[in-house]
């Protein structure tokens, strides 16, 4: 099929690569504009642009899809289908209706659960035991299109958002590959989503990762995993921010929320619901990542000290 691919981050690359290896004619890649990255704010191309240029695929990076310019480009390309994975822009109706087979999207959740911008992170933060990928026929709503195919996986107890990103990026490539072939053979039936079961995964902001010790240790553990590797869960000790890179639920069962209840080779902090969390790896403000034991070795933390 003649395909236009729309996607921006490295999460998309397995799908783009798979569509090429499947023998489809990738006519163009649409990606977000280059952005400044790092402390020096170096203008950097998105991964899909780099991949496309390396494979002699034309790249378009419109700031908007609503001024008609992108529509005219797409009319000229005349794709059979537009495949969208983590593009970061909402497609207007005139683009959705342009290709013969419309536009399909690989969304990293089991729709209608976790519609929105950050389904991978929120699946872990909210304590889901399963997640997966849904390929849907896109419509003008936010992840509301009819479902074409679904594949689920278990979320392991030690999965972070980072590890789940990798797993789901490859699952997306597999499911979109098979779905595109089924669409081409006219061998697929779309199924409407059940609106009564819809939940949402909002855009993540840094302040969302601030640990609330009144929550249970399990909820905090999920937040630490779900917010890694960005924005990284954090709390404050003596007014200074400490990032919590990894943690585990502790067997300790006493103390007021935020109170240090064990500082003997372990850093254990009381949480809500009569539970405790153990910090394993942390990064103090202005410092490097280290074990909690190393943190206490250089900065003794007394029993009863309160993290905020």
Protein backbone atom coordinates (compact mmCIF):
# COMPACT_ATOMS: atom_id res chain seq x y z
CA UNK A 1 0.00 0.00 0.00
CA UNK A 2 0.93 3.64 -0.48
CA UNK A 3 1.43 4.82 3.09
CA UNK A 4 2.02 8.19 4.72
CA UNK A 5 3.42 7.69 8.21
CA UNK A 6 2.87 10.29 10.95
CA UNK A 7 4.96 9.97 14.10
CA UNK A 8 7.69 11.77 15.99
CA UNK A 9 9.60 10.01 18.83
CA UNK A 10 11.78 6.89 18.79
CA UNK A 11 8.74 4.92 20.01
CA UNK A 12 7.53 5.05 16.38
CA UNK A 13 10.63 3.62 14.76
CA UNK A 14 9.81 -0.11 15.07
CA UNK A 15 6.48 0.51 13.32
CA UNK A 16 7.96 2.64 10.55
CA UNK A 17 10.73 0.11 9.99
CA UNK A 18 8.25 -2.81 10.00
CA UNK A 19 5.99 -1.17 7.41
CA UNK A 20 9.01 -0.73 5.14
CA UNK A 21 10.14 -4.33 5.58
CA UNK A 22 6.57 -5.49 4.88
CA UNK A 23 7.04 -4.09 1.39
CA UNK A 24 4.72 -1.09 1.60
CA UNK A 25 5.53 2.08 -0.31
CA UNK A 26 6.23 4.72 2.34
CA UNK A 27 5.56 7.90 0.41
CA UNK A 28 6.29 10.40 3.21
CA UNK A 29 6.87 10.84 6.92
CA UNK A 30 5.22 13.66 8.85
CA UNK A 31 6.92 14.58 12.15
CA UNK A 32 6.90 17.43 14.64
CA UNK A 33 9.30 20.31 13.90
CA UNK A 34 12.92 20.11 15.12
CA UNK A 35 13.25 21.23 18.75
CA UNK A 36 16.03 22.55 21.01
CA UNK A 37 17.39 19.77 23.23
CA UNK A 38 19.67 19.71 26.30
CA UNK A 39 21.31 22.45 28.29
CA UNK A 40 22.81 24.00 25.18
CA UNK A 41 19.42 23.88 23.44
CA UNK A 42 20.83 22.33 20.27
CA UNK A 43 18.19 22.20 17.52
CA UNK A 44 17.58 18.47 17.06
CA UNK A 45 15.62 16.50 14.48
CA UNK A 46 13.06 13.97 15.75
CA UNK A 47 14.04 10.29 15.38
CA UNK A 48 11.50 9.59 12.65
CA UNK A 49 12.93 12.39 10.52
CA UNK A 50 16.45 11.01 10.88
CA UNK A 51 15.24 7.51 9.96
CA UNK A 52 13.27 8.75 6.98
CA UNK A 53 16.12 10.80 5.54
CA UNK A 54 18.47 7.83 5.98
CA UNK A 55 16.03 5.80 3.89
CA UNK A 56 15.37 8.47 1.25
CA UNK A 57 11.79 9.08 2.38
CA UNK A 58 10.46 12.65 2.04
CA UNK A 59 9.85 14.39 5.38
CA UNK A 60 7.31 17.08 6.22
CA UNK A 61 7.23 18.98 9.53
CA UNK A 62 4.29 21.37 9.44
CA UNK A 63 3.69 23.53 12.49
CA UNK A 64 -0.03 23.10 11.93
CA UNK A 65 -2.30 20.79 9.96
CA UNK A 66 -5.15 23.27 9.90
CA UNK A 67 -4.03 25.87 7.35
CA UNK A 68 -4.66 23.68 4.31
CA UNK A 69 -1.01 23.33 3.29
CA UNK A 70 -0.61 19.79 4.67
CA UNK A 71 -3.89 18.77 3.04
CA UNK A 72 -2.63 19.89 -0.37
CA UNK A 73 0.61 17.93 0.11
CA UNK A 74 -1.35 14.83 1.06
CA UNK A 75 -3.70 15.22 -1.91
CA UNK A 76 -0.69 15.24 -4.19
CA UNK A 77 0.81 12.15 -2.51
CA UNK A 78 -2.57 10.39 -2.64
CA UNK A 79 -1.87 7.69 0.02
CA UNK A 80 -4.03 4.61 0.37
CA UNK A 81 -3.79 4.96 4.15
CA UNK A 82 -2.24 7.22 6.77
CA UNK A 83 -0.67 5.42 9.74
CA UNK A 84 -0.30 7.48 12.91
CA UNK A 85 1.79 6.56 15.97
CA UNK A 86 2.60 9.18 18.65
CA UNK A 87 2.55 12.04 16.17
CA UNK A 88 1.52 14.70 18.67
CA UNK A 89 -0.99 16.58 16.50
CA UNK A 90 -4.74 16.23 16.00
CA UNK A 91 -5.71 15.48 12.41
CA UNK A 92 -8.52 17.63 10.95
CA UNK A 93 -11.49 15.88 9.35
CA UNK A 94 -10.48 16.69 5.79
CA UNK A 95 -7.22 14.75 6.32
CA UNK A 96 -8.97 11.90 8.16
CA UNK A 97 -11.30 11.43 5.19
CA UNK A 98 -8.70 11.78 2.45
CA UNK A 99 -7.10 8.32 2.05
CA UNK A 100 -8.95 5.35 0.57
CA UNK A 101 -8.68 3.45 3.85
CA UNK A 102 -8.73 6.51 6.09
CA UNK A 103 -6.28 7.05 8.96
CA UNK A 104 -5.40 4.45 11.57
CA UNK A 105 -3.68 5.01 14.89
CA UNK A 106 -1.72 2.68 17.16
CA UNK A 107 -2.61 3.77 20.70
CA UNK A 108 -0.69 2.33 23.66
CA UNK A 109 -3.60 1.24 25.83
CA UNK A 110 -6.57 -1.09 25.83
CA UNK A 111 -9.14 1.41 24.59
CA UNK A 112 -11.42 2.85 25.77
CA UNK A 113 -9.17 2.77 28.85
CA UNK A 114 -6.55 5.49 29.09
CA UNK A 115 -7.36 7.69 26.16
CA UNK A 116 -5.06 10.66 25.83
CA UNK A 117 -1.44 11.71 25.79
CA UNK A 118 0.32 9.51 28.36
CA UNK A 119 -1.29 6.06 28.52
CA UNK A 120 1.91 4.13 29.19
CA UNK A 121 2.88 6.11 32.27
CA UNK A 122 -0.63 6.21 33.69
CA UNK A 123 -1.15 2.47 33.23
CA UNK A 124 1.61 1.93 35.79
CA UNK A 125 0.79 4.89 38.04
CA UNK A 126 -2.84 3.80 38.36
CA UNK A 127 -1.90 0.21 39.15
CA UNK A 128 -3.11 -1.55 36.01
CA UNK A 129 -1.99 -5.17 35.73
CA UNK A 130 -2.50 -5.34 31.97
CA UNK A 131 -2.11 -2.92 29.11
CA UNK A 132 -1.51 -3.24 25.40
CA UNK A 133 -2.04 -1.63 22.03
CA UNK A 134 -5.24 -0.76 20.21
CA UNK A 135 -5.29 0.02 16.49
CA UNK A 136 -8.29 2.21 15.73
CA UNK A 137 -9.87 3.90 12.74
CA UNK A 138 -9.31 7.54 13.57
CA UNK A 139 -12.21 9.98 13.85
CA UNK A 140 -12.40 13.61 14.96
CA UNK A 141 -12.48 12.71 18.67
CA UNK A 142 -9.52 12.08 21.03
CA UNK A 143 -8.86 8.33 20.73
CA UNK A 144 -12.57 7.65 20.22
CA UNK A 145 -12.38 5.86 16.85
CA UNK A 146 -13.72 2.38 16.17
CA UNK A 147 -11.39 -0.45 17.20
CA UNK A 148 -9.77 -2.51 14.44
CA UNK A 149 -7.48 -4.75 16.50
CA UNK A 150 -6.17 -5.17 20.04
CA UNK A 151 -3.30 -6.99 21.69
CA UNK A 152 -2.63 -7.06 25.43
CA UNK A 153 0.39 -7.76 27.63
CA UNK A 154 0.93 -8.09 31.38
CA UNK A 155 2.59 -5.27 33.28
CA UNK A 156 5.29 -6.87 35.41
CA UNK A 157 5.92 -5.74 38.99
CA UNK A 158 9.28 -4.25 38.03
CA UNK A 159 8.19 -2.56 34.80
CA UNK A 160 8.84 1.16 34.57
CA UNK A 161 7.37 3.50 32.00
CA UNK A 162 10.71 3.26 30.21
CA UNK A 163 10.67 -0.55 29.95
CA UNK A 164 6.99 -0.57 29.02
CA UNK A 165 7.64 2.00 26.28
CA UNK A 166 10.06 -0.44 24.67
CA UNK A 167 7.72 -3.43 24.94
CA UNK A 168 4.74 -1.53 23.55
CA UNK A 169 6.70 0.06 20.72
CA UNK A 170 7.40 -3.42 19.32
CA UNK A 171 3.88 -4.63 20.05
CA UNK A 172 2.58 -1.61 18.12
CA UNK A 173 4.74 -2.50 15.13
CA UNK A 174 3.44 -6.08 15.11
CA UNK A 175 -0.21 -5.12 15.45
CA UNK A 176 -0.15 -2.33 12.88
CA UNK A 177 1.68 -4.60 10.44
CA UNK A 178 -0.98 -7.33 10.66
CA UNK A 179 -3.84 -4.80 10.71
CA UNK A 180 -2.69 -3.03 7.55
CA UNK A 181 -2.57 -6.36 5.71
CA UNK A 182 -6.08 -7.23 6.93
CA UNK A 183 -7.38 -3.81 5.83
CA UNK A 184 -5.83 -4.30 2.40
CA UNK A 185 -7.62 -7.67 2.10
CA UNK A 186 -10.89 -6.08 3.31
CA UNK A 187 -10.88 -8.67 6.06
CA UNK A 188 -11.47 -6.57 9.17
CA UNK A 189 -14.53 -5.24 10.98
CA UNK A 190 -14.38 -2.10 13.11
CA UNK A 191 -16.00 -2.20 16.54
CA UNK A 192 -17.32 0.86 18.35
CA UNK A 193 -15.78 1.71 21.71
CA UNK A 194 -17.86 1.42 24.86
CA UNK A 195 -18.03 5.03 26.05
CA UNK A 196 -19.16 3.97 29.53
CA UNK A 197 -15.73 2.38 30.14
CA UNK A 198 -13.62 5.32 28.96
CA UNK A 199 -10.83 6.63 31.19
CA UNK A 200 -8.19 9.28 30.49
CA UNK A 201 -4.42 9.66 30.64
CA UNK A 202 -3.67 13.39 30.81
CA UNK A 203 -0.46 15.08 29.75
CA UNK A 204 2.13 14.60 32.50
CA UNK A 205 3.46 17.67 34.25
CA UNK A 206 6.51 17.66 36.50
CA UNK A 207 4.53 18.52 39.63
CA UNK A 208 2.48 15.34 39.23
CA UNK A 209 5.57 13.35 40.22
CA UNK A 210 5.75 14.94 43.70
CA UNK A 211 5.37 12.03 46.13
CA UNK A 212 2.37 12.21 48.46
CA UNK A 213 3.31 10.16 51.53
CA UNK A 214 -0.31 10.04 52.68
CA UNK A 215 -0.87 7.52 49.89
CA UNK A 216 -0.14 3.83 50.36
CA UNK A 217 3.34 2.42 49.73
CA UNK A 218 1.98 0.49 46.75
CA UNK A 219 0.59 3.67 45.18
CA UNK A 220 3.92 5.44 45.70
CA UNK A 221 5.81 2.47 44.29
CA UNK A 222 3.61 2.61 41.19
CA UNK A 223 4.26 6.34 40.86
CA UNK A 224 8.03 5.85 41.10
CA UNK A 225 7.89 3.27 38.30
CA UNK A 226 5.37 5.16 36.20
CA UNK A 227 7.26 8.45 36.28
CA UNK A 228 10.62 6.89 35.34
CA UNK A 229 12.51 8.02 33.34
CA UNK A 230 10.56 11.28 33.10
CA UNK A 231 9.77 13.38 35.04
CA UNK A 232 11.03 11.09 37.88
CA UNK A 233 9.23 10.93 41.24
CA UNK A 234 10.57 13.34 43.84
CA UNK A 235 10.20 14.58 47.37
CA UNK A 236 11.94 17.08 49.65
CA UNK A 237 14.35 16.64 52.55
CA UNK A 238 15.27 19.77 54.48
CA UNK A 239 13.95 21.87 51.63
CA UNK A 240 16.06 20.17 48.96
CA UNK A 241 14.61 18.06 46.19
CA UNK A 242 15.48 14.38 46.00
CA UNK A 243 14.56 12.34 42.94
CA UNK A 244 13.51 8.78 43.66
CA UNK A 245 14.73 6.56 40.85
CA UNK A 246 13.75 3.21 42.31
CA UNK A 247 11.98 1.93 45.42
CA UNK A 248 10.15 -1.07 46.83
CA UNK A 249 7.34 -1.72 49.28
CA UNK A 250 8.74 -2.45 52.76
CA UNK A 251 7.54 -4.84 55.46
CA UNK A 252 7.65 -2.06 58.08
CA UNK A 253 4.19 -1.01 59.25
CA UNK A 254 4.59 2.00 61.54
CA UNK A 255 5.17 5.75 61.52
CA UNK A 256 3.49 8.95 60.38
CA UNK A 257 3.43 9.62 56.62
CA UNK A 258 6.83 10.87 55.46
CA UNK A 259 8.66 9.79 58.64
CA UNK A 260 11.91 7.84 58.43
CA UNK A 261 11.33 4.59 60.35
CA UNK A 262 14.52 2.69 59.45
CA UNK A 263 17.94 4.15 58.64
CA UNK A 264 20.10 1.05 59.23
CA UNK A 265 21.56 0.31 55.78
CA UNK A 266 18.05 0.96 54.45
CA UNK A 267 16.05 4.13 54.00
CA UNK A 268 12.48 3.26 54.90
CA UNK A 269 9.76 5.89 55.05
CA UNK A 270 6.24 5.58 56.44
CA UNK A 271 3.30 6.07 54.08
CA UNK A 272 -0.46 6.08 54.37
CA UNK A 273 -2.61 3.03 55.07
CA UNK A 274 -0.12 1.78 57.67
CA UNK A 275 2.49 0.96 55.03
CA UNK A 276 6.10 1.87 54.27
CA UNK A 277 8.27 2.44 51.21
CA UNK A 278 12.00 1.78 50.90
CA UNK A 279 14.02 4.08 48.68
CA UNK A 280 16.64 2.11 46.76
CA UNK A 281 18.20 4.60 44.36
CA UNK A 282 17.97 8.37 44.62
CA UNK A 283 19.46 11.52 43.17
CA UNK A 284 19.91 14.47 45.55
CA UNK A 285 19.55 18.00 44.23
CA UNK A 286 22.73 19.00 42.41
CA UNK A 287 24.22 15.50 42.77
CA UNK A 288 24.53 12.23 40.93
CA UNK A 289 22.30 9.18 41.22
CA UNK A 290 23.30 6.89 44.10
CA UNK A 291 21.97 4.17 46.36
CA UNK A 292 20.01 5.28 49.38
CA UNK A 293 22.73 3.69 51.56
CA UNK A 294 25.36 5.92 49.93
CA UNK A 295 23.14 8.94 50.45
CA UNK A 296 22.88 8.22 54.18
CA UNK A 297 26.59 7.48 54.40
CA UNK A 298 27.44 11.00 53.28
CA UNK A 299 24.39 12.67 54.85
CA UNK A 300 23.19 10.86 58.00
CA UNK A 301 19.40 10.83 58.20
CA UNK A 302 18.03 10.43 61.72
CA UNK A 303 15.03 8.33 62.65
CA UNK A 304 11.96 10.55 62.77
CA UNK A 305 13.21 12.82 59.99
CA UNK A 306 10.29 13.77 57.74
CA UNK A 307 10.35 13.72 53.95
CA UNK A 308 7.87 16.03 52.29
